[in-house]
């Protein structure tokens, strides 16, 4: 994306895009652009839909209630969609976890209901909104897919049927403190998934089930016990740096 566009507001709009198309904004986007950012007719922004790349757009008709954008030109091509699967036991800071996963290149976000989960009620629409907000702020053009929450046992039982040859990496606080870099390096070139447990970790029977699966690889995140949200960021960074798209 051109450097001159990096200071412009970015909006996700779920509609087909091409140069010359006029796009009306919804109520929330209008309020954000006009009332919060104080933008008006003739000002510019960048819009994307997760499919057609990013487009430079200009505000045409504008009022406090309605805004129409005109797409001027494509400013960035659509990159290949990220393939990394990210599963997590829902925690209190759900918005933080989803935002960070989006920023760090997860392609699929999957809440997993484990035994010790503290926040079993998950709103997929809210998680999707968190992912879109993170994509708008961080120049991400491929918004990750957010799947409905799934019970842990069902995830294990259907993994190979649903995910094929994808290897699942899980963060095990009881694994001996060894270098996770060495372990992840052996997975380079493979389709990967990452599973992070809840506050309190995985239940003993869940850990046993994970370790019994041929598609699962356990890693240590060092000698210190990390918060669930910290562990998620640390593990995503390791995978992306060693065997991902970094």
C-alpha atoms as a PDB file:
ATOM      1  CA  UNK A   1       0.000   0.000   0.000  1.00  0.00           C
ATOM      2  CA  UNK A   2       1.399   3.477  -0.850  1.00  0.00           C
ATOM      3  CA  UNK A   3       2.916   5.300   2.106  1.00  0.00           C
ATOM      4  CA  UNK A   4       0.610   8.253   1.439  1.00  0.00           C
ATOM      5  CA  UNK A   5      -2.382   6.026   2.204  1.00  0.00           C
ATOM      6  CA  UNK A   6      -1.135   4.752   5.553  1.00  0.00           C
ATOM      7  CA  UNK A   7      -2.493   7.724   7.508  1.00  0.00           C
ATOM      8  CA  UNK A   8      -5.970   7.441   5.994  1.00  0.00           C
ATOM      9  CA  UNK A   9      -8.893   5.867   7.860  1.00  0.00           C
ATOM     10  CA  UNK A  10      -9.545   2.242   6.872  1.00  0.00           C
ATOM     11  CA  UNK A  11     -13.013   0.703   6.680  1.00  0.00           C
ATOM     12  CA  UNK A  12     -14.138  -2.856   6.069  1.00  0.00           C
ATOM     13  CA  UNK A  13     -17.170  -2.955   3.773  1.00  0.00           C
ATOM     14  CA  UNK A  14     -18.631  -6.338   2.870  1.00  0.00           C
ATOM     15  CA  UNK A  15     -19.537  -5.690  -0.761  1.00  0.00           C
ATOM     16  CA  UNK A  16     -17.894  -6.176  -4.168  1.00  0.00           C
ATOM     17  CA  UNK A  17     -15.374  -3.475  -5.066  1.00  0.00           C
ATOM     18  CA  UNK A  18     -13.959  -2.004  -8.276  1.00  0.00           C
ATOM     19  CA  UNK A  19     -12.862   1.453  -9.422  1.00  0.00           C
ATOM     20  CA  UNK A  20     -15.750   3.856  -9.967  1.00  0.00           C
ATOM     21  CA  UNK A  21     -18.235   2.026  -7.750  1.00  0.00           C
ATOM     22  CA  UNK A  22     -20.228   4.132  -5.280  1.00  0.00           C
ATOM     23  CA  UNK A  23     -20.735   2.687  -1.822  1.00  0.00           C
ATOM     24  CA  UNK A  24     -23.154   3.959   0.827  1.00  0.00           C
ATOM     25  CA  UNK A  25     -21.932   3.513   4.402  1.00  0.00           C
ATOM     26  CA  UNK A  26     -24.034   2.075   7.181  1.00  0.00           C
ATOM     27  CA  UNK A  27     -25.036   4.065  10.269  1.00  0.00           C
ATOM     28  CA  UNK A  28     -22.063   3.017  12.429  1.00  0.00           C
ATOM     29  CA  UNK A  29     -19.476   3.652   9.703  1.00  0.00           C
ATOM     30  CA  UNK A  30     -21.027   7.026   8.902  1.00  0.00           C
ATOM     31  CA  UNK A  31     -20.899   8.032  12.563  1.00  0.00           C
ATOM     32  CA  UNK A  32     -17.263   6.917  12.838  1.00  0.00           C
ATOM     33  CA  UNK A  33     -16.108   8.726   9.698  1.00  0.00           C
ATOM     34  CA  UNK A  34     -18.108  11.948  10.030  1.00  0.00           C
ATOM     35  CA  UNK A  35     -18.749  12.468  13.724  1.00  0.00           C
ATOM     36  CA  UNK A  36     -15.720  10.789  15.311  1.00  0.00           C
ATOM     37  CA  UNK A  37     -13.002  11.464  12.733  1.00  0.00           C
ATOM     38  CA  UNK A  38     -14.569  14.712  11.476  1.00  0.00           C
ATOM     39  CA  UNK A  39     -14.168  13.797   7.801  1.00  0.00           C
ATOM     40  CA  UNK A  40     -16.312  15.375   5.119  1.00  0.00           C
ATOM     41  CA  UNK A  41     -16.883  15.731   1.388  1.00  0.00           C
ATOM     42  CA  UNK A  42     -13.663  15.408  -0.602  1.00  0.00           C
ATOM     43  CA  UNK A  43     -11.733  13.636   2.151  1.00  0.00           C
ATOM     44  CA  UNK A  44     -10.331  10.213   1.427  1.00  0.00           C
ATOM     45  CA  UNK A  45     -10.139   6.825   3.126  1.00  0.00           C
ATOM     46  CA  UNK A  46      -9.153   3.240   2.314  1.00  0.00           C
ATOM     47  CA  UNK A  47     -11.757   0.486   2.102  1.00  0.00           C
ATOM     48  CA  UNK A  48     -11.458  -3.301   1.798  1.00  0.00           C
ATOM     49  CA  UNK A  49     -13.715  -6.348   1.865  1.00  0.00           C
ATOM     50  CA  UNK A  50     -11.260  -9.198   2.385  1.00  0.00           C
ATOM     51  CA  UNK A  51     -11.610 -10.354  -1.226  1.00  0.00           C
ATOM     52  CA  UNK A  52     -10.800  -7.563  -3.704  1.00  0.00           C
ATOM     53  CA  UNK A  53      -7.771  -5.895  -2.142  1.00  0.00           C
ATOM     54  CA  UNK A  54      -7.786  -2.323  -0.808  1.00  0.00           C
ATOM     55  CA  UNK A  55      -9.233   0.695  -2.607  1.00  0.00           C
ATOM     56  CA  UNK A  56      -8.657   4.396  -2.229  1.00  0.00           C
ATOM     57  CA  UNK A  57     -12.053   6.044  -1.800  1.00  0.00           C
ATOM     58  CA  UNK A  58     -13.324   9.621  -1.691  1.00  0.00           C
ATOM     59  CA  UNK A  59     -16.240  10.927   0.316  1.00  0.00           C
ATOM     60  CA  UNK A  60     -18.935  12.315  -1.947  1.00  0.00           C
ATOM     61  CA  UNK A  61     -22.275  13.211  -0.422  1.00  0.00           C
ATOM     62  CA  UNK A  62     -21.917  13.448   3.346  1.00  0.00           C
ATOM     63  CA  UNK A  63     -24.055  14.375   6.296  1.00  0.00           C
ATOM     64  CA  UNK A  64     -24.190  13.328   9.933  1.00  0.00           C
ATOM     65  CA  UNK A  65     -26.479  10.430   8.961  1.00  0.00           C
ATOM     66  CA  UNK A  66     -25.398   9.343   5.470  1.00  0.00           C
ATOM     67  CA  UNK A  67     -22.126   9.060   3.561  1.00  0.00           C
ATOM     68  CA  UNK A  68     -21.459   7.809   0.041  1.00  0.00           C
ATOM     69  CA  UNK A  69     -17.957   6.811  -1.052  1.00  0.00           C
ATOM     70  CA  UNK A  70     -16.612   6.631  -4.587  1.00  0.00           C
ATOM     71  CA  UNK A  71     -13.864   4.086  -5.193  1.00  0.00           C
ATOM     72  CA  UNK A  72     -11.008   5.764  -7.068  1.00  0.00           C
ATOM     73  CA  UNK A  73      -8.410   3.045  -7.592  1.00  0.00           C
ATOM     74  CA  UNK A  74      -7.057  -0.154  -6.110  1.00  0.00           C
ATOM     75  CA  UNK A  75      -4.229   0.678  -3.715  1.00  0.00           C
ATOM     76  CA  UNK A  76      -3.230  -2.881  -2.769  1.00  0.00           C
ATOM     77  CA  UNK A  77      -3.885  -6.289  -4.285  1.00  0.00           C
ATOM     78  CA  UNK A  78      -5.581  -8.994  -2.260  1.00  0.00           C
ATOM     79  CA  UNK A  79      -2.953 -11.263  -0.651  1.00  0.00           C
ATOM     80  CA  UNK A  80      -3.347 -14.996  -0.356  1.00  0.00           C
ATOM     81  CA  UNK A  81      -5.559 -15.846   2.598  1.00  0.00           C
ATOM     82  CA  UNK A  82      -3.695 -16.894   5.747  1.00  0.00           C
ATOM     83  CA  UNK A  83      -3.954 -20.623   6.503  1.00  0.00           C
ATOM     84  CA  UNK A  84      -2.982 -20.747  10.188  1.00  0.00           C
ATOM     85  CA  UNK A  85      -5.738 -22.247  12.364  1.00  0.00           C
ATOM     86  CA  UNK A  86      -5.947 -20.746  15.842  1.00  0.00           C
ATOM     87  CA  UNK A  87      -8.008 -22.416  18.558  1.00  0.00           C
ATOM     88  CA  UNK A  88      -8.372 -21.060  22.076  1.00  0.00           C
ATOM     89  CA  UNK A  89     -10.380 -21.627  25.217  1.00  0.00           C
ATOM     90  CA  UNK A  90     -12.454 -18.435  25.666  1.00  0.00           C
ATOM     91  CA  UNK A  91     -11.152 -16.158  28.415  1.00  0.00           C
ATOM     92  CA  UNK A  92     -12.347 -12.855  29.867  1.00  0.00           C
ATOM     93  CA  UNK A  93     -10.272 -10.774  27.435  1.00  0.00           C
ATOM     94  CA  UNK A  94     -11.837 -12.286  24.326  1.00  0.00           C
ATOM     95  CA  UNK A  95     -11.536  -9.093  22.304  1.00  0.00           C
ATOM     96  CA  UNK A  96      -7.793  -8.923  22.997  1.00  0.00           C
ATOM     97  CA  UNK A  97      -7.179 -12.535  21.973  1.00  0.00           C
ATOM     98  CA  UNK A  98      -9.093 -12.201  18.694  1.00  0.00           C
ATOM     99  CA  UNK A  99      -7.497  -8.864  17.830  1.00  0.00           C
ATOM    100  CA  UNK A 100      -3.975 -10.201  18.395  1.00  0.00           C
ATOM    101  CA  UNK A 101      -4.655 -13.368  16.419  1.00  0.00           C
ATOM    102  CA  UNK A 102      -5.878 -11.232  13.518  1.00  0.00           C
ATOM    103  CA  UNK A 103      -2.845  -8.942  13.672  1.00  0.00           C
ATOM    104  CA  UNK A 104      -0.485 -11.921  13.750  1.00  0.00           C
ATOM    105  CA  UNK A 105      -1.880 -13.686  10.716  1.00  0.00           C
ATOM    106  CA  UNK A 106      -4.390 -16.300  11.863  1.00  0.00           C
ATOM    107  CA  UNK A 107      -6.657 -17.369   9.011  1.00  0.00           C
ATOM    108  CA  UNK A 108      -9.233 -19.277  11.070  1.00  0.00           C
ATOM    109  CA  UNK A 109     -10.239 -18.422  14.632  1.00  0.00           C
ATOM    110  CA  UNK A 110     -11.930 -21.213  16.600  1.00  0.00           C
ATOM    111  CA  UNK A 111     -13.203 -20.950  20.194  1.00  0.00           C
ATOM    112  CA  UNK A 112     -12.821 -24.315  21.963  1.00  0.00           C
ATOM    113  CA  UNK A 113     -14.805 -25.153  25.090  1.00  0.00           C
ATOM    114  CA  UNK A 114     -12.503 -26.963  27.504  1.00  0.00           C
ATOM    115  CA  UNK A 115     -13.227 -28.266  30.998  1.00  0.00           C
ATOM    116  CA  UNK A 116     -11.735 -25.311  32.875  1.00  0.00           C
ATOM    117  CA  UNK A 117     -12.978 -22.589  30.543  1.00  0.00           C
ATOM    118  CA  UNK A 118     -14.206 -19.534  32.452  1.00  0.00           C
ATOM    119  CA  UNK A 119     -16.205 -17.891  29.685  1.00  0.00           C
ATOM    120  CA  UNK A 120     -18.193 -20.600  27.839  1.00  0.00           C
ATOM    121  CA  UNK A 121     -20.697 -18.190  26.266  1.00  0.00           C
ATOM    122  CA  UNK A 122     -19.269 -16.879  23.006  1.00  0.00           C
ATOM    123  CA  UNK A 123     -20.884 -14.433  20.581  1.00  0.00           C
ATOM    124  CA  UNK A 124     -19.471 -15.181  17.081  1.00  0.00           C
ATOM    125  CA  UNK A 125     -20.758 -11.878  15.706  1.00  0.00           C
ATOM    126  CA  UNK A 126     -18.883  -9.941  18.371  1.00  0.00           C
ATOM    127  CA  UNK A 127     -15.704 -11.919  17.721  1.00  0.00           C
ATOM    128  CA  UNK A 128     -16.067 -11.208  14.007  1.00  0.00           C
ATOM    129  CA  UNK A 129     -16.433  -7.502  14.804  1.00  0.00           C
ATOM    130  CA  UNK A 130     -13.252  -7.667  16.922  1.00  0.00           C
ATOM    131  CA  UNK A 131     -11.388  -9.271  14.002  1.00  0.00           C
ATOM    132  CA  UNK A 132     -12.623  -6.633  11.548  1.00  0.00           C
ATOM    133  CA  UNK A 133     -11.628  -3.804  13.908  1.00  0.00           C
ATOM    134  CA  UNK A 134      -8.121  -5.251  14.220  1.00  0.00           C
ATOM    135  CA  UNK A 135      -7.860  -5.640  10.435  1.00  0.00           C
ATOM    136  CA  UNK A 136      -8.910  -2.009   9.938  1.00  0.00           C
ATOM    137  CA  UNK A 137      -6.286  -0.766  12.371  1.00  0.00           C
ATOM    138  CA  UNK A 138      -3.375  -2.936  11.194  1.00  0.00           C
ATOM    139  CA  UNK A 139      -3.637  -2.962   7.384  1.00  0.00           C
ATOM    140  CA  UNK A 140      -4.728  -6.602   7.337  1.00  0.00           C
ATOM    141  CA  UNK A 141      -6.655  -7.357   4.140  1.00  0.00           C
ATOM    142  CA  UNK A 142      -7.605 -10.985   4.837  1.00  0.00           C
ATOM    143  CA  UNK A 143     -10.054 -10.954   7.736  1.00  0.00           C
ATOM    144  CA  UNK A 144      -9.885 -14.342   9.496  1.00  0.00           C
ATOM    145  CA  UNK A 145     -12.897 -16.623   9.498  1.00  0.00           C
ATOM    146  CA  UNK A 146     -14.470 -16.963  12.944  1.00  0.00           C
ATOM    147  CA  UNK A 147     -16.006 -20.396  13.506  1.00  0.00           C
ATOM    148  CA  UNK A 148     -18.650 -21.250  16.128  1.00  0.00           C
ATOM    149  CA  UNK A 149     -17.417 -22.571  19.466  1.00  0.00           C
ATOM    150  CA  UNK A 150     -16.799 -26.323  19.574  1.00  0.00           C
ATOM    151  CA  UNK A 151     -16.436 -28.685  22.563  1.00  0.00           C
ATOM    152  CA  UNK A 152     -12.876 -29.911  23.077  1.00  0.00           C
ATOM    153  CA  UNK A 153     -13.707 -33.615  22.731  1.00  0.00           C
ATOM    154  CA  UNK A 154     -15.577 -33.055  19.477  1.00  0.00           C
ATOM    155  CA  UNK A 155     -12.652 -31.059  18.112  1.00  0.00           C
ATOM    156  CA  UNK A 156     -10.311 -33.963  18.795  1.00  0.00           C
ATOM    157  CA  UNK A 157     -12.669 -36.603  17.427  1.00  0.00           C
ATOM    158  CA  UNK A 158     -13.286 -34.755  14.151  1.00  0.00           C
ATOM    159  CA  UNK A 159      -9.876 -33.114  13.628  1.00  0.00           C
ATOM    160  CA  UNK A 160      -8.548 -35.342  10.858  1.00  0.00           C
ATOM    161  CA  UNK A 161     -11.926 -35.526   9.147  1.00  0.00           C
ATOM    162  CA  UNK A 162     -12.266 -31.726   9.085  1.00  0.00           C
ATOM    163  CA  UNK A 163      -8.639 -30.574   8.899  1.00  0.00           C
ATOM    164  CA  UNK A 164      -6.942 -33.375   6.988  1.00  0.00           C
ATOM    165  CA  UNK A 165      -3.168 -33.401   7.410  1.00  0.00           C
ATOM    166  CA  UNK A 166      -2.960 -30.205   9.461  1.00  0.00           C
ATOM    167  CA  UNK A 167      -0.655 -30.570  12.480  1.00  0.00           C
ATOM    168  CA  UNK A 168      -2.009 -29.227  15.781  1.00  0.00           C
ATOM    169  CA  UNK A 169       0.482 -27.546  18.111  1.00  0.00           C
ATOM    170  CA  UNK A 170      -0.617 -27.146  21.711  1.00  0.00           C
ATOM    171  CA  UNK A 171       0.986 -25.206  24.524  1.00  0.00           C
ATOM    172  CA  UNK A 172       1.527 -27.577  27.437  1.00  0.00           C
ATOM    173  CA  UNK A 173       2.662 -26.033  30.704  1.00  0.00           C
ATOM    174  CA  UNK A 174       3.664 -29.490  31.943  1.00  0.00           C
ATOM    175  CA  UNK A 175       6.055 -30.128  29.065  1.00  0.00           C
ATOM    176  CA  UNK A 176       9.704 -29.938  30.118  1.00  0.00           C
ATOM    177  CA  UNK A 177      11.138 -26.466  29.519  1.00  0.00           C
ATOM    178  CA  UNK A 178      12.938 -26.969  26.224  1.00  0.00           C
ATOM    179  CA  UNK A 179      13.292 -24.752  23.169  1.00  0.00           C
ATOM    180  CA  UNK A 180       9.967 -24.506  21.326  1.00  0.00           C
ATOM    181  CA  UNK A 181      11.911 -23.122  18.354  1.00  0.00           C
ATOM    182  CA  UNK A 182      13.582 -26.480  17.739  1.00  0.00           C
ATOM    183  CA  UNK A 183      10.251 -28.305  17.845  1.00  0.00           C
ATOM    184  CA  UNK A 184       8.413 -25.840  15.605  1.00  0.00           C
ATOM    185  CA  UNK A 185      11.300 -25.806  13.106  1.00  0.00           C
ATOM    186  CA  UNK A 186      10.555 -29.463  12.316  1.00  0.00           C
ATOM    187  CA  UNK A 187       7.063 -28.409  11.194  1.00  0.00           C
ATOM    188  CA  UNK A 188       8.152 -25.885   8.550  1.00  0.00           C
ATOM    189  CA  UNK A 189       6.211 -26.349   5.315  1.00  0.00           C
ATOM    190  CA  UNK A 190       3.297 -28.117   7.013  1.00  0.00           C
ATOM    191  CA  UNK A 191      -0.239 -26.837   7.498  1.00  0.00           C
ATOM    192  CA  UNK A 192      -0.451 -25.821  11.150  1.00  0.00           C
ATOM    193  CA  UNK A 193      -2.945 -25.192  13.887  1.00  0.00           C
ATOM    194  CA  UNK A 194      -2.348 -23.782  17.362  1.00  0.00           C
ATOM    195  CA  UNK A 195      -4.395 -24.599  20.454  1.00  0.00           C
ATOM    196  CA  UNK A 196      -4.084 -22.529  23.646  1.00  0.00           C
ATOM    197  CA  UNK A 197      -5.872 -23.536  26.830  1.00  0.00           C
ATOM    198  CA  UNK A 198      -7.775 -21.452  29.407  1.00  0.00           C
ATOM    199  CA  UNK A 199      -6.739 -19.891  32.673  1.00  0.00           C
ATOM    200  CA  UNK A 200      -5.871 -22.934  34.752  1.00  0.00           C
ATOM    201  CA  UNK A 201      -4.655 -24.892  31.739  1.00  0.00           C
ATOM    202  CA  UNK A 202      -5.976 -28.092  30.206  1.00  0.00           C
ATOM    203  CA  UNK A 203      -7.600 -30.718  32.414  1.00  0.00           C
ATOM    204  CA  UNK A 204      -5.524 -33.897  32.904  1.00  0.00           C
ATOM    205  CA  UNK A 205      -7.835 -35.950  30.680  1.00  0.00           C
ATOM    206  CA  UNK A 206      -7.662 -33.274  27.961  1.00  0.00           C
ATOM    207  CA  UNK A 207      -3.875 -33.254  28.059  1.00  0.00           C
ATOM    208  CA  UNK A 208      -3.845 -37.062  27.864  1.00  0.00           C
ATOM    209  CA  UNK A 209      -6.185 -36.987  24.866  1.00  0.00           C
ATOM    210  CA  UNK A 210      -4.034 -34.403  23.100  1.00  0.00           C
ATOM    211  CA  UNK A 211      -0.839 -36.350  23.671  1.00  0.00           C
ATOM    212  CA  UNK A 212      -2.440 -39.533  22.352  1.00  0.00           C
ATOM    213  CA  UNK A 213      -3.230 -38.017  18.930  1.00  0.00           C
ATOM    214  CA  UNK A 214      -0.804 -38.627  16.041  1.00  0.00           C
ATOM    215  CA  UNK A 215      -1.498 -35.146  14.627  1.00  0.00           C
ATOM    216  CA  UNK A 216      -0.631 -33.275  17.856  1.00  0.00           C
ATOM    217  CA  UNK A 217       2.721 -31.745  18.830  1.00  0.00           C
ATOM    218  CA  UNK A 218       3.266 -30.312  22.337  1.00  0.00           C
ATOM    219  CA  UNK A 219       5.531 -27.344  22.976  1.00  0.00           C
ATOM    220  CA  UNK A 220       6.823 -25.579  26.073  1.00  0.00           C
ATOM    221  CA  UNK A 221       6.675 -21.800  26.403  1.00  0.00           C
ATOM    222  CA  UNK A 222       9.557 -21.650  28.831  1.00  0.00           C
ATOM    223  CA  UNK A 223      10.139 -21.979  32.578  1.00  0.00           C
ATOM    224  CA  UNK A 224       7.457 -19.457  33.599  1.00  0.00           C
ATOM    225  CA  UNK A 225       3.701 -19.961  33.689  1.00  0.00           C
ATOM    226  CA  UNK A 226       2.120 -17.436  31.322  1.00  0.00           C
ATOM    227  CA  UNK A 227      -1.356 -15.967  31.379  1.00  0.00           C
ATOM    228  CA  UNK A 228      -3.582 -17.478  28.696  1.00  0.00           C
ATOM    229  CA  UNK A 229      -3.612 -14.262  26.632  1.00  0.00           C
ATOM    230  CA  UNK A 230       0.176 -13.882  26.925  1.00  0.00           C
ATOM    231  CA  UNK A 231       0.684 -17.518  25.941  1.00  0.00           C
ATOM    232  CA  UNK A 232      -1.447 -16.990  22.843  1.00  0.00           C
ATOM    233  CA  UNK A 233       0.641 -14.055  21.616  1.00  0.00           C
ATOM    234  CA  UNK A 234       3.925 -15.806  22.436  1.00  0.00           C
ATOM    235  CA  UNK A 235       2.949 -19.015  20.638  1.00  0.00           C
ATOM    236  CA  UNK A 236       1.581 -17.218  17.576  1.00  0.00           C
ATOM    237  CA  UNK A 237       4.809 -15.217  17.316  1.00  0.00           C
ATOM    238  CA  UNK A 238       6.920 -18.378  17.548  1.00  0.00           C
ATOM    239  CA  UNK A 239       4.944 -20.236  14.903  1.00  0.00           C
ATOM    240  CA  UNK A 240       4.847 -17.332  12.470  1.00  0.00           C
ATOM    241  CA  UNK A 241       8.552 -16.533  12.918  1.00  0.00           C
ATOM    242  CA  UNK A 242       9.848 -20.109  12.689  1.00  0.00           C
ATOM    243  CA  UNK A 243       7.407 -21.940  10.414  1.00  0.00           C
ATOM    244  CA  UNK A 244       4.879 -19.328   9.268  1.00  0.00           C
ATOM    245  CA  UNK A 245       4.773 -16.332   6.928  1.00  0.00           C
ATOM    246  CA  UNK A 246       7.173 -14.026   8.792  1.00  0.00           C
END
